[in-house]
Protein backbone atom coordinates (compact mmCIF):
# COMPACT_ATOMS: atom_id res chain seq x y z
CA UNK A 1 0.27 4.30 4.59
CA UNK A 2 -2.33 5.57 7.02
CA UNK A 3 -0.70 7.10 10.07
CA UNK A 4 -1.86 5.40 13.28
CA UNK A 5 -2.45 8.71 15.10
CA UNK A 6 -4.68 9.81 12.24
CA UNK A 7 -6.65 6.57 12.54
CA UNK A 8 -7.17 7.17 16.26
CA UNK A 9 -8.22 10.75 15.53
CA UNK A 10 -10.80 9.70 12.96
CA UNK A 11 -12.17 6.88 15.08
CA UNK A 12 -12.36 9.13 18.13
CA UNK A 13 -14.50 11.51 16.15
CA UNK A 14 -16.76 8.63 15.17
CA UNK A 15 -17.43 7.96 18.84
CA UNK A 16 -16.79 11.17 20.76
CA UNK A 17 -18.24 9.79 23.97
CA UNK A 18 -15.56 7.08 24.10
CA UNK A 19 -12.67 9.43 23.38
CA UNK A 20 -13.81 12.69 24.98
CA UNK A 21 -10.38 13.34 26.49
CA UNK A 22 -8.73 13.12 23.06
CA UNK A 23 -11.24 15.15 21.03
CA UNK A 24 -9.16 18.32 20.83
CA UNK A 25 -6.03 16.35 19.90
CA UNK A 26 -8.03 14.33 17.35
CA UNK A 27 -9.46 17.44 15.71
CA UNK A 28 -5.95 18.91 15.45
CA UNK A 29 -4.62 15.73 13.84
CA UNK A 30 -7.47 15.59 11.36
CA UNK A 31 -7.08 19.26 10.50
CA UNK A 32 -3.38 18.66 9.86
CA UNK A 33 -4.26 15.92 7.36
CA UNK A 34 -7.05 17.91 5.61
CA UNK A 35 -9.79 15.43 6.54
CA UNK A 36 -13.28 16.78 7.17
CA UNK A 37 -13.97 16.33 10.88
CA UNK A 38 -17.59 17.34 10.34
CA UNK A 39 -18.13 14.56 7.79
CA UNK A 40 -16.67 11.93 10.12
CA UNK A 41 -18.44 12.95 13.33
CA UNK A 42 -21.42 10.79 14.24
CA UNK A 43 -23.75 11.00 17.23
CA UNK A 44 -24.74 7.37 16.57
CA UNK A 45 -21.78 5.02 16.85
CA UNK A 46 -23.38 2.13 14.93
CA UNK A 47 -22.43 1.64 11.28
CA UNK A 48 -22.88 -0.54 8.22
CA UNK A 49 -19.68 -1.65 6.50
CA UNK A 50 -20.39 -1.91 2.76
CA UNK A 51 -17.86 -3.56 0.46
CA UNK A 52 -17.00 -1.34 -2.52
CA UNK A 53 -16.54 -4.26 -4.95
CA UNK A 54 -19.93 -5.90 -4.46
CA UNK A 55 -22.01 -3.20 -2.73
CA UNK A 56 -23.02 -5.61 0.03
CA UNK A 57 -22.83 -5.34 3.81
CA UNK A 58 -20.53 -7.15 6.20
CA UNK A 59 -22.89 -9.66 7.85
CA UNK A 60 -22.88 -12.09 10.79
CA UNK A 61 -25.37 -14.92 10.30
CA UNK A 62 -26.25 -15.76 13.90
CA UNK A 63 -24.85 -15.95 17.42
CA UNK A 64 -22.53 -18.97 17.08
CA UNK A 65 -18.84 -18.72 17.91
CA UNK A 66 -16.35 -19.15 15.09
CA UNK A 67 -18.91 -18.67 12.31
CA UNK A 68 -17.69 -17.04 9.11
CA UNK A 69 -18.46 -13.41 8.35
CA UNK A 70 -19.71 -12.80 4.82
CA UNK A 71 -21.26 -10.15 2.60
CA UNK A 72 -24.99 -10.03 1.96
CA UNK A 73 -27.37 -7.47 0.42
CA UNK A 74 -27.85 -4.66 2.92
CA UNK A 75 -31.10 -4.80 4.88
CA UNK A 76 -30.31 -2.74 8.00
CA UNK A 77 -30.60 -5.60 10.51
CA UNK A 78 -28.59 -5.80 13.72
CA UNK A 79 -26.45 -8.58 12.19
CA UNK A 80 -25.21 -5.99 9.66
CA UNK A 81 -24.68 -3.23 12.20
CA UNK A 82 -21.18 -2.70 13.63
CA UNK A 83 -19.33 -0.45 16.04
CA UNK A 84 -15.68 0.28 16.68
CA UNK A 85 -14.03 -0.38 20.04
CA UNK A 86 -10.81 1.58 20.50
CA UNK A 87 -7.65 -0.29 21.50
CA UNK A 88 -4.77 2.18 21.39
CA UNK A 89 -4.17 2.90 17.67
CA UNK A 90 -6.28 -0.10 16.62
CA UNK A 91 -9.99 -0.85 16.48
CA UNK A 92 -11.99 -3.92 17.28
CA UNK A 93 -14.95 -4.36 14.88
CA UNK A 94 -17.95 -5.41 16.99
CA UNK A 95 -21.29 -6.64 15.64
CA UNK A 96 -24.47 -5.28 17.26
CA UNK A 97 -26.02 -8.76 17.17
CA UNK A 98 -24.71 -11.14 18.36
CA UNK A 99 -22.19 -8.76 19.97
CA UNK A 100 -19.14 -10.70 18.81
CA UNK A 101 -16.07 -9.29 17.08
CA UNK A 102 -14.43 -9.74 13.70
CA UNK A 103 -11.53 -12.15 14.28
CA UNK A 104 -8.81 -12.91 11.73
CA UNK A 105 -7.99 -16.23 13.40
CA UNK A 106 -4.98 -17.93 11.82
CA UNK A 107 -2.23 -15.85 10.24
CA UNK A 108 -2.38 -17.48 6.80
CA UNK A 109 -3.76 -15.60 3.80
CA UNK A 110 -7.20 -16.56 2.50
CA UNK A 111 -8.44 -17.64 5.92
CA UNK A 112 -12.05 -16.72 6.69
CA UNK A 113 -12.71 -13.89 9.12
CA UNK A 114 -15.03 -15.20 11.84
CA UNK A 115 -17.12 -13.85 14.69
CA UNK A 116 -15.71 -14.61 18.12
CA UNK A 117 -16.28 -13.36 21.68
CA UNK A 118 -14.49 -10.04 21.94
CA UNK A 119 -11.00 -9.91 23.46
CA UNK A 120 -7.90 -7.74 23.09
CA UNK A 121 -5.60 -10.20 21.33
CA UNK A 122 -4.09 -9.27 17.94
CA UNK A 123 -6.54 -11.44 15.97
CA UNK A 124 -9.27 -8.87 16.73
CA UNK A 125 -7.15 -5.77 16.41
CA UNK A 126 -7.51 -3.97 13.09
CA UNK A 127 -5.77 -0.84 11.96
CA UNK A 128 -6.91 1.50 9.26
CA UNK A 129 -4.28 0.86 6.62
CA UNK A 130 -5.54 3.55 4.29
CA UNK A 131 -8.37 6.02 3.91
CA UNK A 132 -9.41 5.83 0.24
CA UNK A 133 -11.98 8.62 0.47
CA UNK A 134 -14.01 10.38 3.12
CA UNK A 135 -16.01 7.26 4.04
CA UNK A 136 -13.99 4.42 2.47
CA UNK A 137 -11.33 2.62 4.49
CA UNK A 138 -9.06 -0.42 4.20
CA UNK A 139 -8.71 -2.46 7.43
CA UNK A 140 -5.55 -4.49 8.14
CA UNK A 141 -5.33 -7.27 10.73
CA UNK A 142 -2.66 -6.70 13.40
CA UNK A 143 -2.20 -10.48 13.63
CA UNK A 144 -1.79 -11.45 9.98
CA UNK A 145 -0.90 -8.07 8.42
CA UNK A 146 -3.49 -8.93 5.76
CA UNK A 147 -6.56 -6.92 4.83
CA UNK A 148 -10.28 -7.49 5.34
CA UNK A 149 -11.37 -8.73 1.90
CA UNK A 150 -14.67 -9.71 0.24
CA UNK A 151 -13.15 -12.55 -1.73
CA UNK A 152 -15.67 -12.82 -4.58
CA UNK A 153 -18.89 -11.38 -5.91
CA UNK A 154 -22.36 -12.64 -5.07
CA UNK A 155 -24.38 -13.39 -1.96
CA UNK A 156 -23.24 -15.32 1.09
CA UNK A 157 -19.57 -15.07 0.26
CA UNK A 158 -17.07 -15.35 3.06
CA UNK A 159 -14.97 -12.42 4.08
CA UNK A 160 -11.30 -13.33 4.34
CA UNK A 161 -8.06 -11.62 5.24
CA UNK A 162 -5.81 -11.48 2.19
CA UNK A 163 -2.55 -9.89 1.12
CA UNK A 164 -3.19 -6.15 1.10
CA UNK A 165 -3.59 -4.66 -2.37
CA UNK A 166 -6.18 -1.99 -1.41
CA UNK A 167 -8.41 -2.89 -4.37
CA UNK A 168 -12.23 -2.62 -4.27
CA UNK A 169 -12.55 -6.02 -2.54
CA UNK A 170 -10.64 -4.55 0.42
CA UNK A 171 -12.38 -1.18 0.51
CA UNK A 172 -15.21 -0.73 3.02
CA UNK A 173 -17.61 2.19 3.06
CA UNK A 174 -18.65 3.18 6.56
CA UNK A 175 -22.31 4.27 6.69
CA UNK A 176 -24.80 4.90 9.45
CA UNK A 177 -27.35 2.06 9.49
CA UNK A 178 -30.70 2.33 7.74
């Protein structure tokens, strides 16, 4: 399991301006867990989330509320660009356009993750369940205790939250946008 303080430390380093007061504490926590702080530090806080199983980006189609998130070949557009908002030991995954957040909605497994106006309720709170490698993470919904999952292979496939197994469908590479 990924320790929640370690998650906060890593995410603080991804956005130093938002966590300036905790930088020293974050660096200490990361050093204790042998994670490269240099590799995780970014001046730009916008990222692409690329699914390991299909090599495609997390994508929001347009500005509508409640629309499904899906994976699509990476093209560097704002609808594939994300940032992390920090909520205690959790993160909220926010899209650059349309500015809405990844929402797990209902607690049942296999339910589509949708875009919804950002709030602080558990459906939009994600924790880093596990760091697979330096840039690959598994995100778990605080509401459903299920993981962000690219259900199948191919284009325009919905992203769901599913029982956590930490396989490639649930692994997300965090990259700076094109």
